[in-house]
Amino acid sequence: MNTTQWSWKDIELAEETTETLHLDSLSLEFEAAILETALEKVDWKASDSPGYTKKELGLLVSLGHLYSRLKKHRKGLGIDQILVNLCPDDPFFYYNLACSHSLLDEIDDALLALACAIELGYDNFKLLQGDNDLNNLRNDPRYQDLLEEFESTL
């Protein structure tokens, strides 16, 4: 699986674009509220068959990204946990879960999620090394061990 092609974190809007789109905190809050309302009745824990559509899953991912941009890390963590439960083989979701745990200074959980992402095939080494969301892990020797393990799989 090649995951190096794209990440939502790679998107940087020019300042004038942000102003044009009115992507200030109030409009992001509004957008998050719309998504929360749209997703209220989705059964994420349906036992016999998925209680959600691909479109609803995409809305959930978008809501998680909005929470990140709004620095609502606890809410973002909740979204990431749902996504990992729904798609347990997706390395992106584990990577985002690791970022959320790191931002909340939950180092052990962040390292565990990051190890899962790597084991599942996460391969964007450049992002892994430079992602500010993982700054809380950088001084932990276990993070360095993960980096070495990751490099050996490339």
Protein backbone atom coordinates (compact mmCIF):
# COMPACT_ATOMS: atom_id res chain seq x y z
CA MET A 1 0.00 0.00 0.00
CA ASN A 2 1.46 3.35 -1.01
CA THR A 3 0.32 6.10 1.32
CA THR A 4 2.89 8.72 0.37
CA GLN A 5 0.80 10.27 -2.40
CA TRP A 6 -1.49 12.45 -0.31
CA SER A 7 -2.40 13.52 3.19
CA TRP A 8 -4.93 16.12 4.22
CA LYS A 9 -2.19 17.67 6.36
CA ASP A 10 -0.28 18.53 3.19
CA ILE A 11 -2.94 21.00 2.09
CA GLU A 12 -1.92 24.59 2.70
CA LEU A 13 -4.22 27.32 1.52
CA ALA A 14 -2.80 30.68 0.57
CA GLU A 15 -3.77 33.41 3.02
CA GLU A 16 -5.94 35.16 0.44
CA THR A 17 -7.73 31.86 -0.27
CA THR A 18 -8.51 31.48 3.41
CA GLU A 19 -9.92 34.99 3.52
CA THR A 20 -11.95 34.40 0.37
CA LEU A 21 -13.42 31.19 1.74
CA HIS A 22 -14.00 32.74 5.17
CA LEU A 23 -12.25 29.85 6.89
CA ASP A 24 -12.08 31.60 10.22
CA SER A 25 -12.89 29.84 13.45
CA LEU A 26 -16.56 30.87 13.42
CA SER A 27 -17.20 29.40 9.98
CA LEU A 28 -15.29 26.23 10.91
CA GLU A 29 -17.46 25.93 14.03
CA PHE A 30 -20.54 26.35 11.84
CA GLU A 31 -19.35 23.69 9.42
CA ALA A 32 -18.59 21.31 12.30
CA ALA A 33 -22.07 21.87 13.73
CA ILE A 34 -23.63 21.02 10.36
CA LEU A 35 -21.62 17.80 10.14
CA GLU A 36 -22.43 16.89 13.74
CA THR A 37 -26.13 17.33 12.99
CA ALA A 38 -25.88 15.33 9.76
CA LEU A 39 -24.18 12.47 11.59
CA GLU A 40 -26.34 12.45 14.73
CA LYS A 41 -28.56 9.56 13.71
CA VAL A 42 -25.92 7.33 12.14
CA ASP A 43 -25.55 3.99 13.94
CA TRP A 44 -21.75 3.60 14.07
CA LYS A 45 -22.05 0.45 16.18
CA ALA A 46 -24.49 -1.59 14.08
CA SER A 47 -23.72 -5.25 14.76
CA ASP A 48 -25.13 -7.15 11.78
CA SER A 49 -24.33 -4.78 8.91
CA PRO A 50 -22.84 -1.32 8.69
CA GLY A 51 -25.28 1.31 9.89
CA TYR A 52 -23.52 3.92 7.77
CA THR A 53 -22.76 4.68 4.13
CA LYS A 54 -19.43 5.60 2.55
CA LYS A 55 -20.69 9.17 2.30
CA GLU A 56 -21.38 9.28 6.04
CA LEU A 57 -17.94 7.82 6.71
CA GLY A 58 -16.46 10.61 4.58
CA LEU A 59 -18.43 13.18 6.58
CA LEU A 60 -17.04 11.67 9.78
CA VAL A 61 -13.48 12.01 8.42
CA SER A 62 -14.22 15.64 7.49
CA LEU A 63 -15.53 16.31 10.99
CA GLY A 64 -12.34 14.90 12.47
CA HIS A 65 -10.28 17.23 10.27
CA LEU A 66 -12.39 20.20 11.34
CA TYR A 67 -11.87 19.34 15.00
CA SER A 68 -8.13 19.26 14.37
CA ARG A 69 -8.17 22.67 12.72
CA LEU A 70 -10.25 24.02 15.62
CA LYS A 71 -7.81 22.49 18.13
CA LYS A 72 -10.63 20.42 19.66
CA HIS A 73 -8.28 17.54 20.27
CA ARG A 74 -10.49 15.55 22.66
CA LYS A 75 -13.36 15.58 20.12
CA GLY A 76 -10.93 14.71 17.34
CA LEU A 77 -9.69 11.76 19.38
CA GLY A 78 -13.27 10.51 19.68
CA ILE A 79 -13.69 10.65 15.91
CA ASP A 80 -10.36 8.88 15.37
CA GLN A 81 -11.37 6.11 17.76
CA ILE A 82 -14.63 5.57 15.87
CA LEU A 83 -12.76 5.47 12.54
CA VAL A 84 -10.24 2.92 13.82
CA ASN A 85 -13.10 0.74 15.07
CA LEU A 86 -14.92 1.00 11.74
CA CYS A 87 -11.82 0.49 9.57
CA PRO A 88 -9.31 -1.49 11.67
CA ASP A 89 -7.02 -2.16 8.69
CA ASP A 90 -6.56 1.47 7.64
CA PRO A 91 -3.10 2.83 8.53
CA PHE A 92 -4.21 6.46 7.98
CA PHE A 93 -6.79 6.24 10.73
CA TYR A 94 -4.24 4.80 13.15
CA TYR A 95 -1.79 7.54 12.21
CA ASN A 96 -4.43 10.20 12.92
CA LEU A 97 -5.26 8.44 16.19
CA ALA A 98 -1.57 8.62 17.14
CA CYS A 99 -1.56 12.34 16.36
CA SER A 100 -4.64 12.96 18.51
CA HIS A 101 -3.18 11.05 21.45
CA SER A 102 0.08 12.95 21.09
CA LEU A 103 -1.68 16.31 21.05
CA LEU A 104 -3.38 15.32 24.30
CA ASP A 105 -0.01 14.25 25.76
CA GLU A 106 -1.14 10.61 25.92
CA ILE A 107 2.27 9.31 24.92
CA ASP A 108 1.80 5.57 25.51
CA ASP A 109 -1.44 5.49 23.51
CA ALA A 110 0.11 7.62 20.76
CA LEU A 111 3.08 5.29 20.39
CA LEU A 112 0.82 2.24 20.33
CA ALA A 113 -1.38 3.75 17.60
CA LEU A 114 1.69 4.82 15.61
CA ALA A 115 3.13 1.30 15.84
CA CYS A 116 -0.20 -0.06 14.53
CA ALA A 117 -0.14 2.41 11.63
CA ILE A 118 3.36 1.32 10.65
CA GLU A 119 2.49 -2.37 11.03
CA LEU A 120 -0.52 -1.85 8.74
CA GLY A 121 1.66 -0.29 6.06
CA TYR A 122 1.82 3.42 6.78
CA ASP A 123 4.74 4.62 4.68
CA ASN A 124 4.85 8.42 4.64
CA PHE A 125 8.18 8.75 6.42
CA LYS A 126 8.57 12.42 5.53
CA LEU A 127 5.28 13.34 7.22
CA LEU A 128 6.06 11.11 10.18
CA GLN A 129 9.34 12.92 10.77
CA GLY A 130 7.99 16.45 10.39
CA ASP A 131 4.42 16.29 11.69
CA ASN A 132 4.06 18.82 14.51
CA ASP A 133 1.20 16.77 15.94
CA LEU A 134 3.81 14.20 16.99
CA ASN A 135 6.13 16.67 18.72
CA ASN A 136 5.21 15.29 22.15
CA LEU A 137 6.73 11.95 21.11
CA ARG A 138 10.03 13.16 19.75
CA ASN A 139 11.99 12.90 23.03
CA ASP A 140 10.68 9.44 23.89
CA PRO A 141 13.20 6.71 23.05
CA ARG A 142 10.33 4.45 21.93
CA TYR A 143 9.56 6.96 19.18
CA GLN A 144 13.15 6.72 17.98
CA ASP A 145 12.84 2.92 18.03
CA LEU A 146 9.70 3.18 15.89
CA LEU A 147 11.49 5.44 13.42
CA GLU A 148 14.35 2.97 13.13
CA GLU A 149 11.91 0.09 12.65
CA PHE A 150 10.04 2.14 10.07
CA GLU A 151 13.22 2.95 8.13
CA SER A 152 14.19 -0.71 8.06
CA THR A 153 10.92 -1.61 6.33
CA LEU A 154 11.44 0.88 3.48
